[in-house]
PDB file of all heavy atoms in Angstrom:
ATOM      1  N   GLN A   1       0.815  -1.197  -0.003  1.00  0.00           N
ATOM      2  CA  GLN A   1       0.009  -0.010  -0.010  1.00  0.00           C
ATOM      3  C   GLN A   1       0.865   1.222   0.010  1.00  0.00           C
ATOM      4  O   GLN A   1       2.025   1.207   0.456  1.00  0.00           O
ATOM      5  CB  GLN A   1      -0.906  -0.020   1.228  1.00  0.00           C
ATOM      6  CG  GLN A   1      -2.011  -1.039   1.186  1.00  0.00           C
ATOM      7  CD  GLN A   1      -2.993  -0.857   2.305  1.00  0.00           C
ATOM      8  OE1 GLN A   1      -2.628  -0.355   3.383  1.00  0.00           O
ATOM      9  NE2 GLN A   1      -4.222  -1.326   2.103  1.00  0.00           N
ATOM     10  N   ARG A   2       0.274   2.307  -0.541  1.00  0.00           N
ATOM     11  CA  ARG A   2       1.002   3.622  -0.502  1.00  0.00           C
ATOM     12  C   ARG A   2       1.064   4.064   0.916  1.00  0.00           C
ATOM     13  O   ARG A   2       0.106   3.960   1.693  1.00  0.00           O
ATOM     14  CB  ARG A   2       0.209   4.647  -1.331  1.00  0.00           C
ATOM     15  CG  ARG A   2       0.955   5.928  -1.600  1.00  0.00           C
ATOM     16  CD  ARG A   2       0.239   6.777  -2.561  1.00  0.00           C
ATOM     17  NE  ARG A   2       0.140   6.174  -3.904  1.00  0.00           N
ATOM     18  CZ  ARG A   2      -0.325   6.832  -4.886  1.00  0.00           C
ATOM     19  NH1 ARG A   2      -0.713   8.081  -4.832  1.00  0.00           N
ATOM     20  NH2 ARG A   2      -0.365   6.172  -6.146  1.00  0.00           N
ATOM     21  N   GLU A   3       2.274   4.562   1.303  1.00  0.00           N
ATOM     22  CA  GLU A   3       2.460   5.008   2.713  1.00  0.00           C
ATOM     23  C   GLU A   3       3.066   6.382   2.755  1.00  0.00           C
ATOM     24  O   GLU A   3       3.818   6.761   1.877  1.00  0.00           O
ATOM     25  CB  GLU A   3       3.440   4.014   3.452  1.00  0.00           C
ATOM     26  CG  GLU A   3       4.768   3.912   2.821  1.00  0.00           C
ATOM     27  CD  GLU A   3       5.739   3.034   3.708  1.00  0.00           C
ATOM     28  OE1 GLU A   3       5.353   2.590   4.768  1.00  0.00           O
ATOM     29  OE2 GLU A   3       6.890   2.829   3.189  1.00  0.00           O
ATOM     30  N   LEU A   4       2.740   7.104   3.869  1.00  0.00           N
ATOM     31  CA  LEU A   4       3.325   8.427   4.077  1.00  0.00           C
ATOM     32  C   LEU A   4       4.799   8.273   4.499  1.00  0.00           C
ATOM     33  O   LEU A   4       5.135   7.522   5.360  1.00  0.00           O
ATOM     34  CB  LEU A   4       2.526   9.149   5.142  1.00  0.00           C
ATOM     35  CG  LEU A   4       3.104  10.525   5.527  1.00  0.00           C
ATOM     36  CD1 LEU A   4       2.967  11.508   4.381  1.00  0.00           C
ATOM     37  CD2 LEU A   4       2.339  11.046   6.759  1.00  0.00           C
ATOM     38  N   VAL A   5       5.668   8.999   3.808  1.00  0.00           N
ATOM     39  CA  VAL A   5       7.078   8.997   4.096  1.00  0.00           C
ATOM     40  C   VAL A   5       7.396  10.195   4.934  1.00  0.00           C
ATOM     41  O   VAL A   5       8.123  10.101   5.999  1.00  0.00           O
ATOM     42  CB  VAL A   5       7.907   9.025   2.829  1.00  0.00           C
ATOM     43  CG1 VAL A   5       9.448   9.130   3.133  1.00  0.00           C
ATOM     44  CG2 VAL A   5       7.642   7.775   1.958  1.00  0.00           C
ATOM     45  N   ALA A   6       6.949  11.385   4.535  1.00  0.00           N
ATOM     46  CA  ALA A   6       7.225  12.625   5.259  1.00  0.00           C
ATOM     47  C   ALA A   6       6.243  13.652   4.838  1.00  0.00           C
ATOM     48  O   ALA A   6       5.679  13.678   3.729  1.00  0.00           O
ATOM     49  CB  ALA A   6       8.672  13.113   4.940  1.00  0.00           C
ATOM     50  N   GLY A   7       5.989  14.631   5.765  1.00  0.00           N
ATOM     51  CA  GLY A   7       5.097  15.757   5.478  1.00  0.00           C
ATOM     52  C   GLY A   7       5.639  16.994   6.094  1.00  0.00           C
ATOM     53  O   GLY A   7       6.388  16.931   7.068  1.00  0.00           O
ATOM     54  N   ILE A   8       5.213  18.124   5.546  1.00  0.00           N
ATOM     55  CA  ILE A   8       5.677  19.423   6.133  1.00  0.00           C
ATOM     56  C   ILE A   8       4.492  20.385   6.060  1.00  0.00           C
ATOM     57  O   ILE A   8       3.765  20.470   5.144  1.00  0.00           O
ATOM     58  CB  ILE A   8       6.865  19.945   5.334  1.00  0.00           C
ATOM     59  CG1 ILE A   8       7.444  21.170   5.939  1.00  0.00           C
ATOM     60  CG2 ILE A   8       6.543  20.189   3.831  1.00  0.00           C
ATOM     61  CD1 ILE A   8       8.825  21.581   5.414  1.00  0.00           C
ATOM     62  N   THR A   9       4.370  21.104   7.170  1.00  0.00           N
ATOM     63  CA  THR A   9       3.262  22.088   7.246  1.00  0.00           C
ATOM     64  C   THR A   9       3.748  23.491   6.703  1.00  0.00           C
ATOM     65  O   THR A   9       4.957  23.675   6.423  1.00  0.00           O
ATOM     66  CB  THR A   9       2.843  22.350   8.708  1.00  0.00           C
ATOM     67  OG1 THR A   9       3.922  22.958   9.428  1.00  0.00           O
ATOM     68  CG2 THR A   9       2.504  21.005   9.419  1.00  0.00           C
ATOM     69  N   VAL A  10       2.794  24.357   6.560  1.00  0.00           N
ATOM     70  CA  VAL A  10       3.140  25.672   6.037  1.00  0.00           C
ATOM     71  C   VAL A  10       4.080  26.413   6.951  1.00  0.00           C
ATOM     72  O   VAL A  10       4.832  27.255   6.507  1.00  0.00           O
ATOM     73  CB  VAL A  10       1.803  26.533   5.864  1.00  0.00           C
ATOM     74  CG1 VAL A  10       1.170  26.801   7.234  1.00  0.00           C
ATOM     75  CG2 VAL A  10       2.050  27.768   5.125  1.00  0.00           C
ATOM     76  N   GLY A  11       4.065  26.091   8.254  1.00  0.00           N
ATOM     77  CA  GLY A  11       5.014  26.676   9.164  1.00  0.00           C
ATOM     78  C   GLY A  11       6.411  26.042   9.240  1.00  0.00           C
ATOM     79  O   GLY A  11       7.259  26.505   9.971  1.00  0.00           O
ATOM     80  N   GLY A  12       6.503  24.917   8.551  1.00  0.00           N
ATOM     81  CA  GLY A  12       7.808  24.253   8.466  1.00  0.00           C
ATOM     82  C   GLY A  12       7.964  23.095   9.418  1.00  0.00           C
ATOM     83  O   GLY A  12       8.981  22.472   9.426  1.00  0.00           O
ATOM     84  N   SER A  13       6.887  22.745  10.182  1.00  0.00           N
ATOM     85  CA  SER A  13       7.005  21.544  10.982  1.00  0.00           C
ATOM     86  C   SER A  13       6.874  20.296  10.145  1.00  0.00           C
ATOM     87  O   SER A  13       6.100  20.320   9.100  1.00  0.00           O
ATOM     88  CB  SER A  13       5.832  21.573  12.001  1.00  0.00           C
ATOM     89  OG  SER A  13       5.952  22.680  12.891  1.00  0.00           O
ATOM     90  N   SER A  14       7.648  19.313  10.462  1.00  0.00           N
ATOM     91  CA  SER A  14       7.706  18.106   9.645  1.00  0.00           C
ATOM     92  C   SER A  14       7.519  16.843  10.475  1.00  0.00           C
ATOM     93  O   SER A  14       7.690  16.879  11.718  1.00  0.00           O
ATOM     94  CB  SER A  14       9.036  17.997   8.922  1.00  0.00           C
ATOM     95  OG  SER A  14      10.130  18.038   9.865  1.00  0.00           O
ATOM     96  N   ASP A  15       7.060  15.831   9.855  1.00  0.00           N
ATOM     97  CA  ASP A  15       6.930  14.471  10.475  1.00  0.00           C
ATOM     98  C   ASP A  15       7.370  13.450   9.454  1.00  0.00           C
ATOM     99  O   ASP A  15       7.338  13.649   8.222  1.00  0.00           O
ATOM    100  CB  ASP A  15       5.469  14.220  10.909  1.00  0.00           C
ATOM    101  CG  ASP A  15       4.484  14.278   9.742  1.00  0.00           C
ATOM    102  OD1 ASP A  15       4.194  15.391   9.212  1.00  0.00           O
ATOM    103  OD2 ASP A  15       3.959  13.264   9.378  1.00  0.00           O
ATOM    104  N   TYR A  16       7.818  12.296   9.989  1.00  0.00           N
ATOM    105  CA  TYR A  16       8.407  11.308   9.232  1.00  0.00           C
ATOM    106  C   TYR A  16       7.913   9.900   9.627  1.00  0.00           C
ATOM    107  O   TYR A  16       7.652   9.710  10.790  1.00  0.00           O
ATOM    108  CB  TYR A  16       9.909  11.309   9.335  1.00  0.00           C
ATOM    109  CG  TYR A  16      10.552  12.642   8.872  1.00  0.00           C
ATOM    110  CD1 TYR A  16      10.724  13.631   9.790  1.00  0.00           C
ATOM    111  CD2 TYR A  16      10.983  12.774   7.572  1.00  0.00           C
ATOM    112  CE1 TYR A  16      11.301  14.854   9.347  1.00  0.00           C
ATOM    113  CE2 TYR A  16      11.534  13.946   7.118  1.00  0.00           C
ATOM    114  CZ  TYR A  16      11.726  14.992   8.070  1.00  0.00           C
ATOM    115  OH  TYR A  16      12.268  16.166   7.591  1.00  0.00           O
ATOM    116  N   ALA A  17       7.900   9.004   8.659  1.00  0.00           N
ATOM    117  CA  ALA A  17       7.703   7.611   8.978  1.00  0.00           C
ATOM    118  C   ALA A  17       8.938   7.119   9.817  1.00  0.00           C
ATOM    119  O   ALA A  17      10.026   7.518   9.598  1.00  0.00           O
ATOM    120  CB  ALA A  17       7.554   6.777   7.715  1.00  0.00           C
ATOM    121  N   ASP A  18       8.628   6.193  10.740  1.00  0.00           N
ATOM    122  CA  ASP A  18       9.724   5.713  11.610  1.00  0.00           C
ATOM    123  C   ASP A  18      10.888   5.121  10.735  1.00  0.00           C
ATOM    124  O   ASP A  18      11.984   5.226  11.136  1.00  0.00           O
ATOM    125  CB  ASP A  18       9.148   4.634  12.584  1.00  0.00           C
ATOM    126  CG  ASP A  18       8.303   5.246  13.625  1.00  0.00           C
ATOM    127  OD1 ASP A  18       8.392   6.426  13.871  1.00  0.00           O
ATOM    128  OD2 ASP A  18       7.564   4.503  14.264  1.00  0.00           O
ATOM    129  N   SER A  19      10.507   4.501   9.630  1.00  0.00           N
ATOM    130  CA  SER A  19      11.537   3.801   8.854  1.00  0.00           C
ATOM    131  C   SER A  19      12.489   4.772   8.151  1.00  0.00           C
ATOM    132  O   SER A  19      13.530   4.303   7.691  1.00  0.00           O
ATOM    133  CB  SER A  19      10.802   2.984   7.783  1.00  0.00           C
ATOM    134  OG  SER A  19       9.990   3.783   6.930  1.00  0.00           O
ATOM    135  N   VAL A  20      12.154   6.027   8.113  1.00  0.00           N
ATOM    136  CA  VAL A  20      13.085   7.017   7.407  1.00  0.00           C
ATOM    137  C   VAL A  20      13.619   8.041   8.383  1.00  0.00           C
ATOM    138  O   VAL A  20      14.447   8.833   7.917  1.00  0.00           O
ATOM    139  CB  VAL A  20      12.392   7.680   6.244  1.00  0.00           C
ATOM    140  CG1 VAL A  20      11.787   6.532   5.271  1.00  0.00           C
ATOM    141  CG2 VAL A  20      11.266   8.610   6.681  1.00  0.00           C
ATOM    142  N   LYS A  21      13.173   8.076   9.566  1.00  0.00           N
ATOM    143  CA  LYS A  21      13.674   9.160  10.548  1.00  0.00           C
ATOM    144  C   LYS A  21      15.208   9.094  10.630  1.00  0.00           C
ATOM    145  O   LYS A  21      15.779   8.037  10.765  1.00  0.00           O
ATOM    146  CB  LYS A  21      13.057   8.949  11.874  1.00  0.00           C
ATOM    147  CG  LYS A  21      11.588   9.393  12.022  1.00  0.00           C
ATOM    148  CD  LYS A  21      11.056   9.124  13.405  1.00  0.00           C
ATOM    149  CE  LYS A  21       9.604   9.649  13.475  1.00  0.00           C
ATOM    150  NZ  LYS A  21       9.014   9.331  14.794  1.00  0.00           N
ATOM    151  N   GLY A  22      15.791  10.228  10.609  1.00  0.00           N
ATOM    152  CA  GLY A  22      17.233  10.375  10.646  1.00  0.00           C
ATOM    153  C   GLY A  22      17.920  10.191   9.347  1.00  0.00           C
ATOM    154  O   GLY A  22      19.139  10.505   9.254  1.00  0.00           O
ATOM    155  N   ARG A  23      17.222   9.758   8.284  1.00  0.00           N
ATOM    156  CA  ARG A  23      17.842   9.571   6.996  1.00  0.00           C
ATOM    157  C   ARG A  23      17.267  10.487   5.948  1.00  0.00           C
ATOM    158  O   ARG A  23      17.922  10.913   5.012  1.00  0.00           O
ATOM    159  CB  ARG A  23      17.632   8.109   6.532  1.00  0.00           C
ATOM    160  CG  ARG A  23      18.200   7.035   7.439  1.00  0.00           C
ATOM    161  CD  ARG A  23      18.199   5.687   6.798  1.00  0.00           C
ATOM    162  NE  ARG A  23      16.836   5.196   6.608  1.00  0.00           N
ATOM    163  CZ  ARG A  23      16.362   4.844   5.425  1.00  0.00           C
ATOM    164  NH1 ARG A  23      17.063   4.908   4.335  1.00  0.00           N
ATOM    165  NH2 ARG A  23      15.081   4.399   5.355  1.00  0.00           N
ATOM    166  N   PHE A  24      15.982  10.772   6.063  1.00  0.00           N
ATOM    167  CA  PHE A  24      15.242  11.625   5.063  1.00  0.00           C
ATOM    168  C   PHE A  24      14.968  12.992   5.679  1.00  0.00           C
ATOM    169  O   PHE A  24      14.746  13.123   6.861  1.00  0.00           O
ATOM    170  CB  PHE A  24      13.965  11.010   4.622  1.00  0.00           C
ATOM    171  CG  PHE A  24      14.101   9.768   3.773  1.00  0.00           C
ATOM    172  CD1 PHE A  24      15.302   9.120   3.641  1.00  0.00           C
ATOM    173  CD2 PHE A  24      12.985   9.260   3.108  1.00  0.00           C
ATOM    174  CE1 PHE A  24      15.395   7.944   2.848  1.00  0.00           C
ATOM    175  CE2 PHE A  24      13.046   8.139   2.379  1.00  0.00           C
ATOM    176  CZ  PHE A  24      14.262   7.460   2.194  1.00  0.00           C
ATOM    177  N   SER A  25      14.919  14.002   4.799  1.00  0.00           N
ATOM    178  CA  SER A  25      14.580  15.356   5.303  1.00  0.00           C
ATOM    179  C   SER A  25      13.707  16.022   4.216  1.00  0.00           C
ATOM    180  O   SER A  25      14.032  16.068   3.057  1.00  0.00           O
ATOM    181  CB  SER A  25      15.860  16.155   5.488  1.00  0.00           C
ATOM    182  OG  SER A  25      15.553  17.449   5.892  1.00  0.00           O
ATOM    183  N   ILE A  26      12.588  16.487   4.697  1.00  0.00           N
ATOM    184  CA  ILE A  26      11.643  17.228   3.804  1.00  0.00           C
ATOM    185  C   ILE A  26      11.765  18.752   3.996  1.00  0.00           C
ATOM    186  O   ILE A  26      12.022  19.150   5.103  1.00  0.00           O
ATOM    187  CB  ILE A  26      10.191  16.736   4.048  1.00  0.00           C
ATOM    188  CG1 ILE A  26       9.239  17.317   3.015  1.00  0.00           C
ATOM    189  CG2 ILE A  26       9.722  17.162   5.504  1.00  0.00           C
ATOM    190  CD1 ILE A  26       7.825  16.700   3.047  1.00  0.00           C
ATOM    191  N   SER A  27      11.609  19.461   2.918  1.00  0.00           N
ATOM    192  CA  SER A  27      11.678  20.942   2.961  1.00  0.00           C
ATOM    193  C   SER A  27      10.820  21.532   1.863  1.00  0.00           C
ATOM    194  O   SER A  27      10.362  20.754   0.991  1.00  0.00           O
ATOM    195  CB  SER A  27      13.133  21.448   2.803  1.00  0.00           C
ATOM    196  OG  SER A  27      13.668  21.090   1.557  1.00  0.00           O
ATOM    197  N   ARG A  28      10.491  22.770   2.006  1.00  0.00           N
ATOM    198  CA  ARG A  28       9.629  23.439   1.001  1.00  0.00           C
ATOM    199  C   ARG A  28      10.160  24.826   0.680  1.00  0.00           C
ATOM    200  O   ARG A  28      10.649  25.487   1.607  1.00  0.00           O
ATOM    201  CB  ARG A  28       8.184  23.481   1.451  1.00  0.00           C
ATOM    202  CG  ARG A  28       7.954  24.296   2.700  1.00  0.00           C
ATOM    203  CD  ARG A  28       6.541  24.042   3.310  1.00  0.00           C
ATOM    204  NE  ARG A  28       5.496  24.675   2.468  1.00  0.00           N
ATOM    205  CZ  ARG A  28       4.181  24.470   2.614  1.00  0.00           C
ATOM    206  NH1 ARG A  28       3.737  23.605   3.533  1.00  0.00           N
ATOM    207  NH2 ARG A  28       3.288  25.072   1.852  1.00  0.00           N
ATOM    208  N   ASP A  29      10.049  25.158  -0.563  1.00  0.00           N
ATOM    209  CA  ASP A  29      10.505  26.518  -1.005  1.00  0.00           C
ATOM    210  C   ASP A  29       9.236  27.119  -1.612  1.00  0.00           C
ATOM    211  O   ASP A  29       8.869  26.870  -2.794  1.00  0.00           O
ATOM    212  CB  ASP A  29      11.586  26.403  -2.101  1.00  0.00           C
ATOM    213  CG  ASP A  29      12.133  27.736  -2.460  1.00  0.00           C
ATOM    214  OD1 ASP A  29      11.380  28.791  -2.371  1.00  0.00           O
ATOM    215  OD2 ASP A  29      13.309  27.815  -2.918  1.00  0.00           O
ATOM    216  N   ASN A  30       8.557  27.950  -0.803  1.00  0.00           N
ATOM    217  CA  ASN A  30       7.256  28.516  -1.214  1.00  0.00           C
ATOM    218  C   ASN A  30       7.428  29.442  -2.444  1.00  0.00           C
ATOM    219  O   ASN A  30       6.571  29.523  -3.270  1.00  0.00           O
ATOM    220  CB  ASN A  30       6.608  29.283  -0.074  1.00  0.00           C
ATOM    221  CG  ASN A  30       6.119  28.277   0.990  1.00  0.00           C
ATOM    222  OD1 ASN A  30       5.881  27.151   0.800  1.00  0.00           O
ATOM    223  ND2 ASN A  30       6.117  28.841   2.201  1.00  0.00           N
ATOM    224  N   ALA A  31       8.554  30.114  -2.482  1.00  0.00           N
ATOM    225  CA  ALA A  31       8.807  31.014  -3.621  1.00  0.00           C
ATOM    226  C   ALA A  31       8.924  30.250  -4.937  1.00  0.00           C
ATOM    227  O   ALA A  31       8.579  30.812  -5.970  1.00  0.00           O
ATOM    228  CB  ALA A  31      10.083  31.837  -3.345  1.00  0.00           C
ATOM    229  N   LYS A  32       9.399  29.062  -4.881  1.00  0.00           N
ATOM    230  CA  LYS A  32       9.484  28.259  -6.123  1.00  0.00           C
ATOM    231  C   LYS A  32       8.407  27.246  -6.243  1.00  0.00           C
ATOM    232  O   LYS A  32       8.513  26.421  -7.154  1.00  0.00           O
ATOM    233  CB  LYS A  32      10.871  27.554  -6.135  1.00  0.00           C
ATOM    234  CG  LYS A  32      12.041  28.510  -6.196  1.00  0.00           C
ATOM    235  CD  LYS A  32      13.403  27.708  -6.213  1.00  0.00           C
ATOM    236  CE  LYS A  32      14.527  28.723  -6.341  1.00  0.00           C
ATOM    237  NZ  LYS A  32      15.853  28.012  -6.402  1.00  0.00           N
ATOM    238  N   ASN A  33       7.466  27.223  -5.347  1.00  0.00           N
ATOM    239  CA  ASN A  33       6.364  26.284  -5.385  1.00  0.00           C
ATOM    240  C   ASN A  33       6.809  24.830  -5.483  1.00  0.00           C
ATOM    241  O   ASN A  33       6.300  24.014  -6.216  1.00  0.00           O
ATOM    242  CB  ASN A  33       5.414  26.523  -6.568  1.00  0.00           C
ATOM    243  CG  ASN A  33       4.796  27.942  -6.463  1.00  0.00           C
ATOM    244  OD1 ASN A  33       4.516  28.425  -5.367  1.00  0.00           O
ATOM    245  ND2 ASN A  33       4.565  28.561  -7.601  1.00  0.00           N
TER     246      ASN A  33
END
């Protein structure tokens, strides 16, 4: 099944699946969409 890997809020808070914590990092550049 499709699973959530990582997510980020408009304020920059992020959450990760346990399997990727410490290895993956999510970020967003609002100016570049």
